[in-house]
Amino acid sequence: MTMKVVKKTADYTVYQRGDERYAVKDAEKKPVNGDEKVRILLEEGLIKVAAPAAPAEPEPAAEAEEAPEAEEATSEEPEAAAEAEGEDDGEKA
């Protein structure tokens, strides 16, 4: 794998690897990783970091579960009442 020198300063050297990614080594030739590497690459304009997407407001789980049950109970009550009325009418006749 060949690495091309992109920028060399007194503090670090930025290389571009064969797979188009970047490597950073400090003045002592030790690899730089993590937040420090990201900071250096951002300063050099080699990478762009997008702001994280705002998290969607999650619905409270308790309310989400109760709502369908309430709708089911409401829809079942008129049917049960209609069946009961139908049975009463049939018994009287």
N, C-alpha and C. Protein backbone atom coordinates (compact mmCIF):
# COMPACT_ATOMS: atom_id res chain seq x y z
N MET A 1 0.86 -1.16 0.00
CA MET A 1 0.00 0.00 0.00
C MET A 1 0.91 1.23 0.00
N THR A 2 0.70 2.10 -0.94
CA THR A 2 1.51 3.31 -0.99
C THR A 2 0.72 4.47 -0.40
N MET A 3 1.43 5.32 0.30
CA MET A 3 0.79 6.49 0.89
C MET A 3 1.48 7.74 0.34
N LYS A 4 0.65 8.69 -0.11
CA LYS A 4 1.16 9.94 -0.64
C LYS A 4 1.10 11.00 0.45
N VAL A 5 2.12 11.81 0.55
CA VAL A 5 2.12 12.90 1.52
C VAL A 5 1.21 14.00 0.98
N VAL A 6 0.20 14.35 1.77
CA VAL A 6 -0.73 15.40 1.39
C VAL A 6 -0.26 16.74 1.96
N LYS A 7 0.13 16.73 3.25
CA LYS A 7 0.61 17.95 3.89
C LYS A 7 1.57 17.57 5.01
N LYS A 8 2.64 18.34 5.11
CA LYS A 8 3.62 18.08 6.15
C LYS A 8 3.85 19.37 6.92
N THR A 9 3.70 19.30 8.24
CA THR A 9 3.97 20.44 9.11
C THR A 9 4.98 20.00 10.15
N ALA A 10 5.35 20.92 11.04
CA ALA A 10 6.29 20.58 12.11
C ALA A 10 5.66 19.63 13.13
N ASP A 11 4.32 19.69 13.25
CA ASP A 11 3.63 18.88 14.26
C ASP A 11 3.14 17.53 13.74
N TYR A 12 2.79 17.44 12.46
CA TYR A 12 2.22 16.20 11.92
C TYR A 12 2.41 16.13 10.42
N THR A 13 2.18 14.93 9.89
CA THR A 13 2.19 14.69 8.44
C THR A 13 0.90 13.98 8.09
N VAL A 14 0.21 14.46 7.05
CA VAL A 14 -1.03 13.84 6.60
C VAL A 14 -0.73 13.07 5.32
N TYR A 15 -1.13 11.80 5.31
CA TYR A 15 -0.92 10.92 4.16
C TYR A 15 -2.28 10.53 3.58
N GLN A 16 -2.32 10.27 2.27
CA GLN A 16 -3.51 9.69 1.66
C GLN A 16 -3.16 8.26 1.29
N ARG A 17 -3.95 7.35 1.82
CA ARG A 17 -3.69 5.93 1.59
C ARG A 17 -4.19 5.51 0.21
N GLY A 18 -3.86 4.30 -0.17
CA GLY A 18 -4.28 3.76 -1.46
C GLY A 18 -5.78 3.61 -1.59
N ASP A 19 -6.49 3.49 -0.46
CA ASP A 19 -7.95 3.34 -0.51
C ASP A 19 -8.66 4.69 -0.35
N GLU A 20 -7.93 5.79 -0.60
CA GLU A 20 -8.46 7.15 -0.58
C GLU A 20 -8.77 7.69 0.82
N ARG A 21 -8.43 6.95 1.86
CA ARG A 21 -8.61 7.45 3.22
C ARG A 21 -7.32 8.13 3.66
N TYR A 22 -7.37 8.77 4.83
CA TYR A 22 -6.23 9.53 5.30
C TYR A 22 -5.61 8.90 6.55
N ALA A 23 -4.30 9.07 6.65
CA ALA A 23 -3.56 8.67 7.84
C ALA A 23 -2.81 9.90 8.32
N VAL A 24 -2.69 10.04 9.64
CA VAL A 24 -1.96 11.17 10.21
C VAL A 24 -0.92 10.62 11.17
N LYS A 25 0.29 11.13 11.05
CA LYS A 25 1.36 10.75 11.96
C LYS A 25 1.92 12.01 12.59
N ASP A 26 2.27 11.92 13.88
CA ASP A 26 2.81 13.08 14.56
C ASP A 26 4.30 13.25 14.23
N ALA A 27 4.94 14.21 14.87
CA ALA A 27 6.35 14.52 14.59
C ALA A 27 7.27 13.34 14.92
N GLU A 28 6.84 12.48 15.83
CA GLU A 28 7.63 11.31 16.22
C GLU A 28 7.29 10.09 15.37
N LYS A 29 6.53 10.29 14.29
CA LYS A 29 6.12 9.22 13.37
C LYS A 29 5.16 8.21 14.01
N LYS A 30 4.46 8.64 15.07
CA LYS A 30 3.45 7.77 15.70
C LYS A 30 2.08 8.13 15.12
N PRO A 31 1.22 7.13 14.90
CA PRO A 31 -0.10 7.40 14.33
C PRO A 31 -0.96 8.26 15.26
N VAL A 32 -1.70 9.16 14.65
CA VAL A 32 -2.66 9.99 15.38
C VAL A 32 -4.04 9.47 15.02
N ASN A 33 -4.87 9.23 16.03
CA ASN A 33 -6.21 8.68 15.80
C ASN A 33 -7.25 9.43 16.62
N GLY A 34 -8.50 9.09 16.38
CA GLY A 34 -9.59 9.62 17.19
C GLY A 34 -9.89 11.09 16.91
N ASP A 35 -10.28 11.78 17.97
CA ASP A 35 -10.70 13.18 17.85
C ASP A 35 -9.59 14.07 17.32
N GLU A 36 -8.36 13.79 17.71
CA GLU A 36 -7.23 14.60 17.26
C GLU A 36 -7.06 14.48 15.74
N LYS A 37 -7.21 13.27 15.21
CA LYS A 37 -7.09 13.06 13.77
C LYS A 37 -8.21 13.79 13.03
N VAL A 38 -9.42 13.70 13.55
CA VAL A 38 -10.56 14.38 12.94
C VAL A 38 -10.33 15.89 12.94
N ARG A 39 -9.84 16.43 14.06
CA ARG A 39 -9.58 17.86 14.16
C ARG A 39 -8.56 18.30 13.10
N ILE A 40 -7.49 17.54 12.95
CA ILE A 40 -6.45 17.88 11.97
C ILE A 40 -7.00 17.83 10.55
N LEU A 41 -7.73 16.78 10.21
CA LEU A 41 -8.27 16.65 8.86
C LEU A 41 -9.29 17.73 8.56
N LEU A 42 -10.07 18.14 9.57
CA LEU A 42 -11.01 19.25 9.38
C LEU A 42 -10.27 20.55 9.13
N GLU A 43 -9.23 20.82 9.91
CA GLU A 43 -8.45 22.04 9.75
C GLU A 43 -7.83 22.12 8.35
N GLU A 44 -7.42 20.99 7.83
CA GLU A 44 -6.79 20.95 6.51
C GLU A 44 -7.83 20.96 5.38
N GLY A 45 -9.11 20.82 5.73
CA GLY A 45 -10.17 20.82 4.72
C GLY A 45 -10.23 19.53 3.92
N LEU A 46 -9.72 18.46 4.48
CA LEU A 46 -9.70 17.18 3.76
C LEU A 46 -10.98 16.38 3.97
N ILE A 47 -11.67 16.65 5.06
CA ILE A 47 -12.94 15.96 5.32
C ILE A 47 -13.97 17.00 5.71
N LYS A 48 -15.23 16.61 5.59
CA LYS A 48 -16.34 17.45 6.03
C LYS A 48 -17.17 16.63 6.99
N VAL A 49 -17.59 17.25 8.06
CA VAL A 49 -18.41 16.56 9.04
C VAL A 49 -19.79 17.19 9.02
N ALA A 50 -20.80 16.38 8.80
CA ALA A 50 -22.17 16.86 8.82
C ALA A 50 -22.67 16.88 10.26
N ALA A 51 -23.51 17.83 10.56
CA ALA A 51 -24.11 17.90 11.90
C ALA A 51 -25.02 16.70 12.07
N PRO A 52 -25.04 16.11 13.25
CA PRO A 52 -25.93 14.96 13.46
C PRO A 52 -27.39 15.38 13.32
N ALA A 53 -28.18 14.49 12.78
CA ALA A 53 -29.60 14.78 12.60
C ALA A 53 -30.27 14.91 13.95
N ALA A 54 -31.23 15.82 14.03
CA ALA A 54 -31.97 16.00 15.28
C ALA A 54 -32.80 14.76 15.54
N PRO A 55 -32.74 14.22 16.73
CA PRO A 55 -33.52 13.02 17.01
C PRO A 55 -35.02 13.33 16.98
N ALA A 56 -35.77 12.44 16.38
CA ALA A 56 -37.22 12.60 16.33
C ALA A 56 -37.77 12.43 17.74
N GLU A 57 -38.83 13.17 18.03
CA GLU A 57 -39.43 13.06 19.36
C GLU A 57 -40.17 11.73 19.46
N PRO A 58 -39.70 10.84 20.30
CA PRO A 58 -40.38 9.55 20.43
C PRO A 58 -41.68 9.71 21.21
N GLU A 59 -42.69 8.97 20.79
CA GLU A 59 -43.95 9.00 21.52
C GLU A 59 -43.78 8.19 22.79
N PRO A 60 -44.37 8.64 23.85
CA PRO A 60 -44.28 7.83 25.08
C PRO A 60 -44.92 6.47 24.83
N ALA A 61 -44.24 5.43 25.22
CA ALA A 61 -44.69 4.07 24.95
C ALA A 61 -46.02 3.78 25.62
N ALA A 62 -46.23 4.27 26.82
CA ALA A 62 -47.46 3.99 27.56
C ALA A 62 -48.66 4.56 26.82
N GLU A 63 -48.56 5.78 26.33
CA GLU A 63 -49.68 6.39 25.62
C GLU A 63 -49.93 5.67 24.30
N ALA A 64 -48.89 5.28 23.61
CA ALA A 64 -49.04 4.62 22.32
C ALA A 64 -49.73 3.27 22.49
N GLU A 65 -49.46 2.57 23.57
CA GLU A 65 -50.08 1.27 23.79
C GLU A 65 -51.52 1.42 24.28
N GLU A 66 -51.82 2.44 25.07
CA GLU A 66 -53.16 2.61 25.62
C GLU A 66 -54.14 3.07 24.56
N ALA A 67 -53.71 3.87 23.62
CA ALA A 67 -54.61 4.42 22.63
C ALA A 67 -55.30 3.33 21.80
N PRO A 68 -54.60 2.34 21.24
CA PRO A 68 -55.30 1.31 20.47
C PRO A 68 -56.25 0.49 21.33
N GLU A 69 -55.89 0.23 22.58
CA GLU A 69 -56.78 -0.53 23.44
C GLU A 69 -58.07 0.23 23.69
N ALA A 70 -57.96 1.54 23.90
CA ALA A 70 -59.14 2.35 24.15
C ALA A 70 -60.04 2.35 22.92
N GLU A 71 -59.45 2.43 21.73
CA GLU A 71 -60.24 2.41 20.50
C GLU A 71 -60.93 1.06 20.33
N GLU A 72 -60.23 -0.03 20.62
CA GLU A 72 -60.82 -1.35 20.50
C GLU A 72 -61.99 -1.51 21.47
N ALA A 73 -61.81 -1.06 22.69
CA ALA A 73 -62.86 -1.18 23.70
C ALA A 73 -64.07 -0.37 23.27
N THR A 74 -63.87 0.80 22.72
CA THR A 74 -64.96 1.65 22.28
C THR A 74 -65.70 1.01 21.12
N SER A 75 -64.96 0.40 20.19
CA SER A 75 -65.61 -0.19 19.04
C SER A 75 -66.32 -1.49 19.40
N GLU A 76 -65.89 -2.18 20.43
CA GLU A 76 -66.53 -3.43 20.83
C GLU A 76 -67.81 -3.18 21.63
N GLU A 77 -67.88 -2.12 22.40
CA GLU A 77 -69.03 -1.85 23.24
C GLU A 77 -70.32 -1.69 22.45
N PRO A 78 -70.36 -0.92 21.37
CA PRO A 78 -71.62 -0.81 20.62
C PRO A 78 -72.05 -2.14 20.03
N GLU A 79 -71.09 -2.96 19.59
CA GLU A 79 -71.44 -4.26 19.04
C GLU A 79 -72.05 -5.15 20.12
N ALA A 80 -71.44 -5.13 21.29
CA ALA A 80 -71.96 -5.94 22.39
C ALA A 80 -73.35 -5.45 22.78
N ALA A 81 -73.54 -4.14 22.79
CA ALA A 81 -74.85 -3.58 23.14
C ALA A 81 -75.87 -3.96 22.08
N ALA A 82 -75.50 -3.93 20.81
CA ALA A 82 -76.42 -4.28 19.72
C ALA A 82 -76.79 -5.76 19.80
N GLU A 83 -75.82 -6.61 20.11
CA GLU A 83 -76.09 -8.03 20.23
C GLU A 83 -77.02 -8.29 21.41
N ALA A 84 -76.81 -7.61 22.48
CA ALA A 84 -77.64 -7.79 23.66
C ALA A 84 -79.07 -7.35 23.37
N GLU A 85 -79.23 -6.24 22.65
CA GLU A 85 -80.57 -5.78 22.30
C GLU A 85 -81.24 -6.76 21.36
N GLY A 86 -80.48 -7.32 20.44
CA GLY A 86 -81.03 -8.27 19.48
C GLY A 86 -81.48 -9.54 20.20
N GLU A 87 -80.73 -9.98 21.20
CA GLU A 87 -81.10 -11.16 21.95
C GLU A 87 -82.34 -10.91 22.80
N ASP A 88 -82.43 -9.70 23.37
CA ASP A 88 -83.59 -9.36 24.17
C ASP A 88 -84.85 -9.35 23.31
N ASP A 89 -84.75 -8.77 22.10
CA ASP A 89 -85.88 -8.71 21.22
C ASP A 89 -86.31 -10.11 20.80
N GLY A 90 -85.34 -10.98 20.58
CA GLY A 90 -85.66 -12.33 20.16
C GLY A 90 -86.32 -13.12 21.26
N GLU A 91 -85.97 -12.89 22.50
CA GLU A 91 -86.54 -13.63 23.61
C GLU A 91 -87.98 -13.18 23.88
N LYS A 92 -88.26 -11.93 23.64
CA LYS A 92 -89.59 -11.39 23.90
C LYS A 92 -90.56 -11.87 22.83
N ALA A 93 -90.10 -12.13 21.66
CA ALA A 93 -91.00 -12.46 20.56
C ALA A 93 -91.45 -13.84 20.55
